[in-house]
């Protein structure tokens, strides 16, 4: 009468296999299309373009907070996995009380790309704070358009980093998560033929 003992390991193995299959299926799911106004909302807010060439049209838009630890990790990941893709960082403020001031200082810096890179490269993961606190640039608040973006961002899922890309018809899509495989799926989806 040891059937219950034998049945339990079999059930655990079955559950593990189902969970693995679910993870694979989720990873392969297509990106989410955002409402029609999404491209205008994202591109109306000031941002900083990095990776690729400065004259490239951004392949990706990142809605981020300067104090977000996941944004710091994604910044490094993009430099490694997608260095040829122009990426546009578009800040919102929600993570800390001074997130807006830090983002405004990064945007108004004499070298915004270096300020953004320094903020995430020297990120303090223990304190959960952007690392470049001594950058130049005036302390200010974010523009009105960043507030508009933040309101829409909440409707689109309300998390950071949010990885977005648009297709040739101006439709904006959101990646399922920040895994490189999900970003590739997003880029392939907006390219239509996988060539982007």
N, C-alpha and C. Protein backbone atom coordinates (compact mmCIF):
# COMPACT_ATOMS: atom_id res chain seq x y z
N UNK A 1 0.82 -1.19 0.00
CA UNK A 1 0.00 0.00 0.00
C UNK A 1 0.87 1.26 0.00
N UNK A 2 1.90 1.27 -0.79
CA UNK A 2 2.77 2.44 -0.90
C UNK A 2 2.40 3.30 -2.10
N UNK A 3 1.24 3.13 -2.63
CA UNK A 3 0.85 3.91 -3.80
C UNK A 3 0.90 5.42 -3.56
N UNK A 4 0.40 5.94 -2.42
CA UNK A 4 0.50 7.40 -2.21
C UNK A 4 1.94 7.90 -2.25
N UNK A 5 2.89 7.14 -1.72
CA UNK A 5 4.29 7.56 -1.75
C UNK A 5 4.83 7.59 -3.17
N UNK A 6 4.43 6.63 -3.98
CA UNK A 6 4.88 6.59 -5.37
C UNK A 6 4.18 7.63 -6.21
N UNK A 7 2.94 7.91 -5.91
CA UNK A 7 2.15 8.86 -6.68
C UNK A 7 2.65 10.29 -6.50
N UNK A 8 3.06 10.64 -5.29
CA UNK A 8 3.50 12.01 -5.01
C UNK A 8 4.69 12.44 -5.87
N UNK A 9 5.79 11.65 -5.97
CA UNK A 9 6.89 12.07 -6.84
C UNK A 9 6.47 12.18 -8.30
N UNK A 10 5.59 11.31 -8.73
CA UNK A 10 5.12 11.37 -10.12
C UNK A 10 4.34 12.66 -10.36
N UNK A 11 3.50 13.04 -9.41
CA UNK A 11 2.74 14.29 -9.53
C UNK A 11 3.65 15.51 -9.52
N UNK A 12 4.68 15.48 -8.67
CA UNK A 12 5.63 16.58 -8.63
C UNK A 12 6.38 16.71 -9.95
N UNK A 13 6.78 15.58 -10.52
CA UNK A 13 7.46 15.60 -11.82
C UNK A 13 6.54 16.14 -12.90
N UNK A 14 5.29 15.70 -12.90
CA UNK A 14 4.32 16.19 -13.88
C UNK A 14 4.11 17.69 -13.74
N UNK A 15 3.99 18.17 -12.50
CA UNK A 15 3.81 19.61 -12.27
C UNK A 15 5.00 20.40 -12.78
N UNK A 16 6.22 19.89 -12.57
CA UNK A 16 7.42 20.57 -13.04
C UNK A 16 7.45 20.63 -14.56
N UNK A 17 7.07 19.54 -15.22
CA UNK A 17 7.05 19.53 -16.68
C UNK A 17 6.01 20.49 -17.24
N UNK A 18 4.85 20.55 -16.61
CA UNK A 18 3.81 21.48 -17.05
C UNK A 18 4.28 22.92 -16.86
N UNK A 19 4.92 23.20 -15.72
CA UNK A 19 5.42 24.55 -15.46
C UNK A 19 6.47 24.95 -16.50
N UNK A 20 7.37 24.03 -16.85
CA UNK A 20 8.38 24.34 -17.86
C UNK A 20 7.72 24.62 -19.21
N UNK A 21 6.76 23.82 -19.57
CA UNK A 21 6.05 24.03 -20.83
C UNK A 21 5.33 25.36 -20.84
N UNK A 22 4.75 25.76 -19.71
CA UNK A 22 4.08 27.05 -19.61
C UNK A 22 5.04 28.20 -19.77
N UNK A 23 6.24 28.06 -19.21
CA UNK A 23 7.25 29.13 -19.33
C UNK A 23 7.68 29.28 -20.78
N UNK A 24 7.86 28.15 -21.46
CA UNK A 24 8.26 28.22 -22.86
C UNK A 24 7.16 28.86 -23.69
N UNK A 25 5.91 28.47 -23.40
CA UNK A 25 4.79 29.04 -24.15
C UNK A 25 4.67 30.54 -23.92
N UNK A 26 4.85 30.99 -22.67
CA UNK A 26 4.75 32.42 -22.36
C UNK A 26 5.84 33.20 -23.08
N UNK A 27 7.05 32.62 -23.14
CA UNK A 27 8.15 33.32 -23.78
C UNK A 27 7.90 33.55 -25.26
N UNK A 28 7.20 32.63 -25.90
CA UNK A 28 6.96 32.73 -27.31
C UNK A 28 5.73 33.52 -27.69
N UNK A 29 5.01 34.05 -26.71
CA UNK A 29 3.80 34.80 -27.01
C UNK A 29 4.13 36.13 -27.66
N UNK A 30 3.27 36.56 -28.56
CA UNK A 30 3.54 37.83 -29.26
C UNK A 30 3.40 39.02 -28.32
N UNK A 31 3.99 40.15 -28.70
CA UNK A 31 3.87 41.36 -27.88
C UNK A 31 2.44 41.89 -27.89
N UNK A 32 2.16 42.78 -26.95
CA UNK A 32 0.83 43.37 -26.80
C UNK A 32 0.75 44.68 -27.58
N UNK A 33 -0.28 44.83 -28.39
CA UNK A 33 -0.48 46.10 -29.10
C UNK A 33 -1.11 47.10 -28.14
N UNK A 34 -0.57 48.32 -28.14
CA UNK A 34 -1.07 49.39 -27.28
C UNK A 34 -2.09 50.23 -28.05
N UNK A 35 -2.84 51.10 -27.36
CA UNK A 35 -3.83 51.95 -28.03
C UNK A 35 -3.21 52.84 -29.10
N UNK A 36 -4.05 53.34 -29.99
CA UNK A 36 -3.61 54.09 -31.17
C UNK A 36 -2.73 55.30 -30.83
N UNK A 37 -2.98 55.97 -29.72
CA UNK A 37 -2.24 57.19 -29.39
C UNK A 37 -0.87 56.91 -28.76
N UNK A 38 -0.51 55.66 -28.53
CA UNK A 38 0.69 55.33 -27.78
C UNK A 38 1.97 55.90 -28.39
N UNK A 39 2.13 55.79 -29.70
CA UNK A 39 3.35 56.29 -30.33
C UNK A 39 3.50 57.79 -30.11
N UNK A 40 2.43 58.55 -30.28
CA UNK A 40 2.49 60.00 -30.06
C UNK A 40 2.81 60.33 -28.61
N UNK A 41 2.20 59.60 -27.69
CA UNK A 41 2.43 59.86 -26.26
C UNK A 41 3.90 59.62 -25.91
N UNK A 42 4.46 58.52 -26.39
CA UNK A 42 5.85 58.18 -26.06
C UNK A 42 6.83 59.14 -26.72
N UNK A 43 6.61 59.46 -27.99
CA UNK A 43 7.57 60.31 -28.70
C UNK A 43 7.43 61.79 -28.34
N UNK A 44 6.32 62.19 -27.74
CA UNK A 44 6.17 63.59 -27.31
C UNK A 44 6.98 63.91 -26.06
N UNK A 45 7.27 62.90 -25.25
CA UNK A 45 8.07 63.11 -24.04
C UNK A 45 9.55 63.10 -24.40
N UNK A 46 10.31 64.02 -23.81
CA UNK A 46 11.76 64.07 -24.07
C UNK A 46 12.41 62.76 -23.64
N UNK A 47 13.41 62.36 -24.40
CA UNK A 47 14.13 61.14 -24.07
C UNK A 47 15.58 61.25 -24.47
N UNK A 48 16.31 60.18 -24.24
CA UNK A 48 17.73 60.11 -24.57
C UNK A 48 17.96 58.85 -25.41
N UNK A 49 18.58 59.04 -26.56
CA UNK A 49 18.86 57.90 -27.42
C UNK A 49 20.28 57.40 -27.17
N UNK A 50 20.40 56.09 -27.02
CA UNK A 50 21.71 55.46 -26.85
C UNK A 50 21.77 54.19 -27.68
N UNK A 51 22.94 53.58 -27.76
CA UNK A 51 23.20 52.42 -28.63
C UNK A 51 23.02 52.83 -30.09
N UNK A 52 23.41 51.96 -30.99
CA UNK A 52 23.29 52.26 -32.40
C UNK A 52 24.04 53.53 -32.76
N UNK A 53 23.57 54.20 -33.79
CA UNK A 53 24.14 55.47 -34.24
C UNK A 53 23.18 56.60 -33.83
N UNK A 54 23.71 57.79 -33.49
CA UNK A 54 22.82 58.88 -33.07
C UNK A 54 21.77 59.27 -34.11
N UNK A 55 22.06 59.02 -35.39
CA UNK A 55 21.09 59.40 -36.42
C UNK A 55 20.07 58.29 -36.72
N UNK A 56 20.22 57.13 -36.09
CA UNK A 56 19.27 56.03 -36.30
C UNK A 56 17.90 56.35 -35.71
N UNK A 57 16.87 55.86 -36.36
CA UNK A 57 15.52 55.92 -35.79
C UNK A 57 15.50 54.88 -34.67
N UNK A 58 14.98 55.23 -33.48
CA UNK A 58 14.99 54.25 -32.38
C UNK A 58 14.23 52.97 -32.74
N UNK A 59 14.88 51.85 -32.49
CA UNK A 59 14.23 50.55 -32.67
C UNK A 59 13.37 50.23 -31.46
N UNK A 60 13.79 50.72 -30.29
CA UNK A 60 13.09 50.47 -29.03
C UNK A 60 12.92 51.76 -28.26
N UNK A 61 11.85 51.83 -27.50
CA UNK A 61 11.62 52.91 -26.54
C UNK A 61 11.49 52.24 -25.17
N UNK A 62 12.17 52.78 -24.17
CA UNK A 62 12.11 52.24 -22.82
C UNK A 62 11.47 53.25 -21.90
N UNK A 63 10.35 52.89 -21.31
CA UNK A 63 9.74 53.74 -20.28
C UNK A 63 10.37 53.27 -18.97
N UNK A 64 11.13 54.16 -18.35
CA UNK A 64 11.96 53.79 -17.20
C UNK A 64 11.91 54.84 -16.10
N UNK A 65 12.34 54.42 -14.93
CA UNK A 65 12.58 55.34 -13.81
C UNK A 65 14.07 55.31 -13.53
N UNK A 66 14.67 56.45 -13.29
CA UNK A 66 16.12 56.53 -13.07
C UNK A 66 16.58 55.77 -11.83
N UNK A 67 15.67 55.50 -10.89
CA UNK A 67 16.02 54.76 -9.68
C UNK A 67 15.64 53.28 -9.74
N UNK A 68 15.06 52.82 -10.83
CA UNK A 68 14.56 51.45 -10.93
C UNK A 68 15.72 50.47 -11.13
N UNK A 69 15.87 49.47 -10.24
CA UNK A 69 16.97 48.51 -10.39
C UNK A 69 16.84 47.64 -11.64
N UNK A 70 15.63 47.33 -12.03
CA UNK A 70 15.43 46.51 -13.23
C UNK A 70 15.80 47.29 -14.49
N UNK A 71 15.60 48.61 -14.43
CA UNK A 71 16.00 49.46 -15.55
C UNK A 71 17.52 49.49 -15.67
N UNK A 72 18.22 49.52 -14.54
CA UNK A 72 19.68 49.49 -14.55
C UNK A 72 20.18 48.19 -15.16
N UNK A 73 19.57 47.09 -14.80
CA UNK A 73 19.96 45.79 -15.36
C UNK A 73 19.68 45.74 -16.86
N UNK A 74 18.52 46.26 -17.28
CA UNK A 74 18.18 46.24 -18.69
C UNK A 74 19.12 47.13 -19.50
N UNK A 75 19.52 48.26 -18.95
CA UNK A 75 20.45 49.16 -19.64
C UNK A 75 21.74 48.41 -20.01
N UNK A 76 22.28 47.66 -19.05
CA UNK A 76 23.49 46.86 -19.31
C UNK A 76 23.21 45.74 -20.30
N UNK A 77 22.07 45.09 -20.17
CA UNK A 77 21.69 43.99 -21.06
C UNK A 77 21.58 44.47 -22.51
N UNK A 78 20.99 45.63 -22.72
CA UNK A 78 20.84 46.16 -24.09
C UNK A 78 22.19 46.50 -24.71
N UNK A 79 23.10 47.02 -23.90
CA UNK A 79 24.44 47.34 -24.41
C UNK A 79 25.16 46.08 -24.85
N UNK A 80 24.91 44.96 -24.18
CA UNK A 80 25.55 43.70 -24.51
C UNK A 80 24.83 42.96 -25.64
N UNK A 81 23.50 42.84 -25.52
CA UNK A 81 22.73 42.00 -26.45
C UNK A 81 22.25 42.73 -27.71
N UNK A 82 22.09 44.05 -27.63
CA UNK A 82 21.55 44.81 -28.77
C UNK A 82 22.34 46.10 -29.00
N UNK A 83 23.68 46.05 -29.06
CA UNK A 83 24.45 47.29 -29.18
C UNK A 83 24.20 48.06 -30.47
N UNK A 84 23.76 47.35 -31.51
CA UNK A 84 23.53 48.00 -32.81
C UNK A 84 22.15 48.63 -32.91
N UNK A 85 21.28 48.39 -31.95
CA UNK A 85 19.91 48.91 -31.98
C UNK A 85 19.83 50.24 -31.25
N UNK A 86 19.34 51.26 -31.93
CA UNK A 86 19.13 52.55 -31.27
C UNK A 86 17.98 52.41 -30.30
N UNK A 87 18.21 52.83 -29.07
CA UNK A 87 17.23 52.72 -28.00
C UNK A 87 16.97 54.11 -27.43
N UNK A 88 15.72 54.43 -27.20
CA UNK A 88 15.35 55.74 -26.64
C UNK A 88 14.80 55.55 -25.24
N UNK A 89 15.50 56.13 -24.26
CA UNK A 89 15.10 56.10 -22.85
C UNK A 89 14.14 57.25 -22.61
N UNK A 90 12.95 56.93 -22.10
CA UNK A 90 11.93 57.95 -21.82
C UNK A 90 11.53 57.80 -20.35
N UNK A 91 11.90 58.78 -19.53
CA UNK A 91 11.66 58.62 -18.10
C UNK A 91 10.24 58.94 -17.65
N UNK A 92 9.83 58.22 -16.65
CA UNK A 92 8.68 58.58 -15.84
C UNK A 92 9.19 58.60 -14.41
N UNK A 93 8.41 59.12 -13.51
CA UNK A 93 8.85 59.22 -12.12
C UNK A 93 7.81 58.57 -11.21
N UNK A 94 8.24 57.53 -10.49
CA UNK A 94 7.35 56.90 -9.53
C UNK A 94 8.10 56.16 -8.44
N UNK A 95 9.35 55.76 -8.70
CA UNK A 95 10.06 54.85 -7.81
C UNK A 95 10.45 55.51 -6.48
N UNK A 96 10.90 56.75 -6.53
CA UNK A 96 11.31 57.51 -5.34
C UNK A 96 10.81 58.94 -5.46
N UNK A 97 10.80 59.63 -4.35
CA UNK A 97 10.32 61.02 -4.35
C UNK A 97 11.16 61.92 -5.25
N UNK A 98 12.45 61.61 -5.40
CA UNK A 98 13.31 62.45 -6.23
C UNK A 98 13.55 61.87 -7.63
N UNK A 99 12.73 60.91 -8.04
CA UNK A 99 12.90 60.33 -9.38
C UNK A 99 12.76 61.36 -10.48
N UNK A 100 11.79 62.25 -10.36
CA UNK A 100 11.58 63.28 -11.39
C UNK A 100 12.77 64.23 -11.47
N UNK A 101 13.29 64.65 -10.33
CA UNK A 101 14.43 65.56 -10.32
C UNK A 101 15.67 64.89 -10.92
N UNK A 102 15.89 63.63 -10.58
CA UNK A 102 17.05 62.92 -11.13
C UNK A 102 16.91 62.76 -12.64
N UNK A 103 15.73 62.36 -13.11
CA UNK A 103 15.51 62.21 -14.55
C UNK A 103 15.69 63.54 -15.27
N UNK A 104 15.19 64.63 -14.68
CA UNK A 104 15.33 65.96 -15.29
C UNK A 104 16.80 66.36 -15.37
N UNK A 105 17.58 66.03 -14.33
CA UNK A 105 19.02 66.34 -14.36
C UNK A 105 19.73 65.54 -15.44
N UNK A 106 19.34 64.29 -15.62
CA UNK A 106 19.94 63.48 -16.67
C UNK A 106 19.61 64.09 -18.04
N UNK A 107 18.34 64.42 -18.25
CA UNK A 107 17.90 64.98 -19.53
C UNK A 107 18.57 66.32 -19.85
N UNK A 108 18.81 67.14 -18.81
CA UNK A 108 19.36 68.48 -19.03
C UNK A 108 20.88 68.52 -18.92
N UNK A 109 21.51 67.38 -18.72
CA UNK A 109 22.96 67.32 -18.61
C UNK A 109 23.62 67.78 -19.92
N UNK A 110 24.85 68.25 -19.84
CA UNK A 110 25.58 68.64 -21.05
C UNK A 110 25.88 67.43 -21.94
N UNK A 111 25.91 66.24 -21.36
CA UNK A 111 26.07 64.99 -22.11
C UNK A 111 25.06 63.99 -21.57
N UNK A 112 23.82 64.06 -22.03
CA UNK A 112 22.76 63.21 -21.48
C UNK A 112 23.04 61.71 -21.60
N UNK A 113 23.66 61.28 -22.70
CA UNK A 113 23.95 59.85 -22.87
C UNK A 113 24.92 59.38 -21.79
N UNK A 114 25.96 60.16 -21.54
CA UNK A 114 26.94 59.81 -20.51
C UNK A 114 26.30 59.85 -19.12
N UNK A 115 25.42 60.83 -18.89
CA UNK A 115 24.74 60.93 -17.60
C UNK A 115 23.84 59.72 -17.36
N UNK A 116 23.11 59.32 -18.39
CA UNK A 116 22.25 58.14 -18.27
C UNK A 116 23.08 56.89 -18.04
N UNK A 117 24.14 56.74 -18.81
CA UNK A 117 25.01 55.58 -18.66
C UNK A 117 25.62 55.54 -17.25
N UNK A 118 26.09 56.68 -16.78
CA UNK A 118 26.67 56.74 -15.44
C UNK A 118 25.66 56.42 -14.36
N UNK A 119 24.44 56.88 -14.55
CA UNK A 119 23.39 56.61 -13.56
C UNK A 119 23.15 55.12 -13.39
N UNK A 120 23.07 54.41 -14.50
CA UNK A 120 22.79 52.97 -14.42
C UNK A 120 24.05 52.13 -14.22
N UNK A 121 25.18 52.56 -14.78
CA UNK A 121 26.42 51.79 -14.61
C UNK A 121 26.88 51.77 -13.16
N UNK A 122 26.65 52.87 -12.43
CA UNK A 122 27.07 52.94 -11.02
C UNK A 122 25.86 52.82 -10.08
N UNK A 123 24.81 52.16 -10.55
CA UNK A 123 23.59 52.00 -9.76
C UNK A 123 23.92 51.32 -8.42
N UNK A 124 23.33 51.83 -7.35
CA UNK A 124 23.52 51.28 -6.00
C UNK A 124 22.37 50.32 -5.71
N UNK A 125 22.61 49.03 -5.95
CA UNK A 125 21.55 48.04 -5.79
C UNK A 125 21.16 47.84 -4.33
N UNK A 126 22.08 48.05 -3.40
CA UNK A 126 21.75 47.92 -1.98
C UNK A 126 20.77 49.01 -1.55
N UNK A 127 21.01 50.24 -2.00
CA UNK A 127 20.15 51.36 -1.63
C UNK A 127 18.99 51.55 -2.61
N UNK A 128 19.04 50.84 -3.74
CA UNK A 128 18.03 50.96 -4.80
C UNK A 128 17.91 52.42 -5.27
N UNK A 129 19.08 52.96 -5.67
CA UNK A 129 19.17 54.35 -6.12
C UNK A 129 20.03 54.44 -7.37
N UNK A 130 19.64 55.36 -8.25
CA UNK A 130 20.50 55.66 -9.39
C UNK A 130 21.85 56.09 -8.90
N UNK A 131 22.90 55.71 -9.61
CA UNK A 131 24.24 55.89 -9.09
C UNK A 131 24.88 57.23 -9.34
N UNK A 132 24.47 57.95 -10.36
CA UNK A 132 25.17 59.17 -10.73
C UNK A 132 24.49 60.39 -10.11
N UNK A 133 24.73 60.61 -8.85
CA UNK A 133 24.09 61.71 -8.13
C UNK A 133 24.82 63.04 -8.30
N UNK A 134 26.06 63.01 -8.81
CA UNK A 134 26.86 64.23 -8.88
C UNK A 134 26.95 64.80 -10.29
N UNK A 135 26.04 64.42 -11.18
CA UNK A 135 26.12 64.89 -12.56
C UNK A 135 25.81 66.38 -12.66
N UNK A 136 26.24 66.96 -13.76
CA UNK A 136 25.87 68.35 -14.00
C UNK A 136 24.43 68.40 -14.48
N UNK A 137 23.94 69.56 -14.73
CA UNK A 137 22.54 69.71 -15.16
C UNK A 137 21.73 70.31 -14.03
N UNK A 138 20.80 71.14 -14.40
CA UNK A 138 20.02 71.82 -13.38
C UNK A 138 19.01 70.87 -12.75
N UNK A 139 18.77 71.03 -11.49
CA UNK A 139 17.71 70.26 -10.83
C UNK A 139 16.39 70.86 -11.27
N UNK A 140 15.55 70.06 -11.80
CA UNK A 140 14.26 70.54 -12.31
C UNK A 140 13.27 69.40 -12.25
N UNK A 141 12.11 69.66 -12.75
CA UNK A 141 11.10 68.61 -12.82
C UNK A 141 10.94 68.19 -14.27
N UNK A 142 10.28 67.07 -14.47
CA UNK A 142 10.03 66.60 -15.82
C UNK A 142 8.94 67.44 -16.48
N UNK A 143 8.92 67.42 -17.79
CA UNK A 143 7.95 68.18 -18.57
C UNK A 143 6.54 67.62 -18.41
N UNK A 144 5.59 68.42 -18.83
CA UNK A 144 4.18 68.03 -18.81
C UNK A 144 3.96 66.71 -19.56
N UNK A 145 4.65 66.53 -20.70
CA UNK A 145 4.48 65.33 -21.52
C UNK A 145 4.86 64.06 -20.78
N UNK A 146 5.80 64.17 -19.82
CA UNK A 146 6.15 63.00 -19.03
C UNK A 146 5.01 62.61 -18.08
N UNK A 147 4.29 63.61 -17.60
CA UNK A 147 3.10 63.32 -16.78
C UNK A 147 2.02 62.64 -17.59
N UNK A 148 1.84 63.10 -18.84
CA UNK A 148 0.86 62.46 -19.73
C UNK A 148 1.29 61.02 -19.99
N UNK A 149 2.58 60.82 -20.26
CA UNK A 149 3.09 59.47 -20.47
C UNK A 149 2.83 58.60 -19.25
N UNK A 150 3.06 59.14 -18.08
CA UNK A 150 2.87 58.35 -16.86
C UNK A 150 1.42 57.89 -16.72
N UNK A 151 0.46 58.75 -17.06
CA UNK A 151 -0.95 58.35 -16.98
C UNK A 151 -1.25 57.20 -17.94
N UNK A 152 -0.75 57.30 -19.16
CA UNK A 152 -0.96 56.23 -20.14
C UNK A 152 -0.20 54.97 -19.73
N UNK A 153 1.01 55.14 -19.24
CA UNK A 153 1.85 54.03 -18.78
C UNK A 153 1.09 53.18 -17.76
N UNK A 154 0.37 53.81 -16.87
CA UNK A 154 -0.43 53.06 -15.89
C UNK A 154 -1.46 52.17 -16.60
N UNK A 155 -2.09 52.72 -17.63
CA UNK A 155 -3.09 51.95 -18.38
C UNK A 155 -2.45 50.81 -19.17
N UNK A 156 -1.18 50.97 -19.55
CA UNK A 156 -0.50 49.97 -20.36
C UNK A 156 0.12 48.86 -19.52
N UNK A 157 0.02 48.94 -18.22
CA UNK A 157 0.58 47.91 -17.35
C UNK A 157 1.24 48.46 -16.11
N UNK A 158 1.78 49.66 -16.17
CA UNK A 158 2.31 50.34 -14.99
C UNK A 158 3.54 49.72 -14.36
N UNK A 159 4.49 49.25 -15.13
CA UNK A 159 5.72 48.71 -14.57
C UNK A 159 6.91 49.27 -15.35
N UNK A 160 8.07 49.18 -14.75
CA UNK A 160 9.31 49.56 -15.44
C UNK A 160 10.32 48.43 -15.28
N UNK A 161 11.18 48.30 -16.26
CA UNK A 161 11.17 48.99 -17.53
C UNK A 161 10.10 48.40 -18.45
N UNK A 162 9.49 49.26 -19.22
CA UNK A 162 8.52 48.84 -20.21
C UNK A 162 9.19 49.01 -21.58
N UNK A 163 9.34 47.92 -22.30
CA UNK A 163 10.03 47.91 -23.59
C UNK A 163 8.99 48.01 -24.71
N UNK A 164 9.11 49.05 -25.53
CA UNK A 164 8.15 49.33 -26.59
C UNK A 164 8.85 49.43 -27.94
N UNK A 165 8.10 49.15 -28.99
CA UNK A 165 8.58 49.35 -30.36
C UNK A 165 7.38 49.61 -31.25
N UNK A 166 7.62 50.37 -32.33
CA UNK A 166 6.52 50.67 -33.26
C UNK A 166 6.80 50.06 -34.62
N UNK A 167 5.71 49.77 -35.33
CA UNK A 167 5.86 49.22 -36.67
C UNK A 167 5.76 50.35 -37.71
N UNK A 168 5.84 50.02 -38.98
CA UNK A 168 5.83 51.01 -40.05
C UNK A 168 4.50 51.76 -40.14
N UNK A 169 3.44 51.18 -39.62
CA UNK A 169 2.13 51.84 -39.64
C UNK A 169 1.90 52.72 -38.41
N UNK A 170 2.88 52.83 -37.53
CA UNK A 170 2.76 53.68 -36.35
C UNK A 170 2.06 53.02 -35.17
N UNK A 171 1.90 51.71 -35.22
CA UNK A 171 1.31 51.00 -34.09
C UNK A 171 2.40 50.67 -33.10
N UNK A 172 2.11 50.88 -31.82
CA UNK A 172 3.09 50.63 -30.77
C UNK A 172 2.77 49.31 -30.08
N UNK A 173 3.83 48.56 -29.80
CA UNK A 173 3.70 47.26 -29.14
C UNK A 173 4.58 47.22 -27.90
N UNK A 174 4.16 46.44 -26.92
CA UNK A 174 4.90 46.26 -25.66
C UNK A 174 5.40 44.83 -25.58
N UNK A 175 6.70 44.68 -25.26
CA UNK A 175 7.27 43.35 -25.06
C UNK A 175 6.64 42.73 -23.80
N UNK A 176 6.56 41.42 -23.77
CA UNK A 176 5.98 40.71 -22.61
C UNK A 176 6.81 40.90 -21.36
N UNK A 177 8.13 40.99 -21.52
CA UNK A 177 9.04 41.19 -20.39
C UNK A 177 10.36 41.70 -20.95
N UNK A 178 11.39 41.72 -20.14
CA UNK A 178 12.67 42.29 -20.59
C UNK A 178 13.70 41.24 -20.97
N UNK A 179 13.30 39.99 -21.10
CA UNK A 179 14.24 38.97 -21.57
C UNK A 179 14.65 39.30 -22.99
N UNK A 180 15.89 38.99 -23.33
CA UNK A 180 16.37 39.26 -24.69
C UNK A 180 15.52 38.53 -25.72
N UNK A 181 15.07 37.33 -25.40
CA UNK A 181 14.22 36.58 -26.35
C UNK A 181 12.91 37.32 -26.59
N UNK A 182 12.33 37.92 -25.56
CA UNK A 182 11.08 38.67 -25.72
C UNK A 182 11.30 39.95 -26.53
N UNK A 183 12.45 40.58 -26.33
CA UNK A 183 12.77 41.79 -27.10
C UNK A 183 12.97 41.43 -28.57
N UNK A 184 13.60 40.30 -28.84
CA UNK A 184 13.75 39.86 -30.24
C UNK A 184 12.40 39.57 -30.87
N UNK A 185 11.50 38.94 -30.12
CA UNK A 185 10.15 38.68 -30.63
C UNK A 185 9.45 40.00 -30.95
N UNK A 186 9.61 40.99 -30.08
CA UNK A 186 9.03 42.32 -30.31
C UNK A 186 9.60 42.94 -31.58
N UNK A 187 10.91 42.93 -31.73
CA UNK A 187 11.54 43.51 -32.91
C UNK A 187 11.11 42.80 -34.19
N UNK A 188 11.01 41.48 -34.13
CA UNK A 188 10.54 40.72 -35.29
C UNK A 188 9.09 41.06 -35.62
N UNK A 189 8.26 41.21 -34.58
CA UNK A 189 6.85 41.50 -34.80
C UNK A 189 6.65 42.87 -35.47
N UNK A 190 7.39 43.87 -35.04
CA UNK A 190 7.20 45.20 -35.64
C UNK A 190 7.85 45.30 -37.02
N UNK A 191 8.85 44.46 -37.28
CA UNK A 191 9.47 44.46 -38.60
C UNK A 191 8.57 43.76 -39.61
N UNK A 192 7.77 42.83 -39.14
CA UNK A 192 6.86 42.11 -40.03
C UNK A 192 7.52 40.94 -40.73
N UNK A 193 8.77 41.12 -41.15
CA UNK A 193 9.46 40.03 -41.84
C UNK A 193 10.69 39.56 -41.07
N UNK A 194 10.87 40.09 -39.85
CA UNK A 194 12.00 39.68 -39.03
C UNK A 194 13.32 40.30 -39.41
N UNK A 195 13.33 41.27 -40.33
CA UNK A 195 14.59 41.85 -40.79
C UNK A 195 15.07 43.04 -40.00
N UNK A 196 14.27 43.56 -39.11
CA UNK A 196 14.64 44.76 -38.37
C UNK A 196 15.65 44.49 -37.30
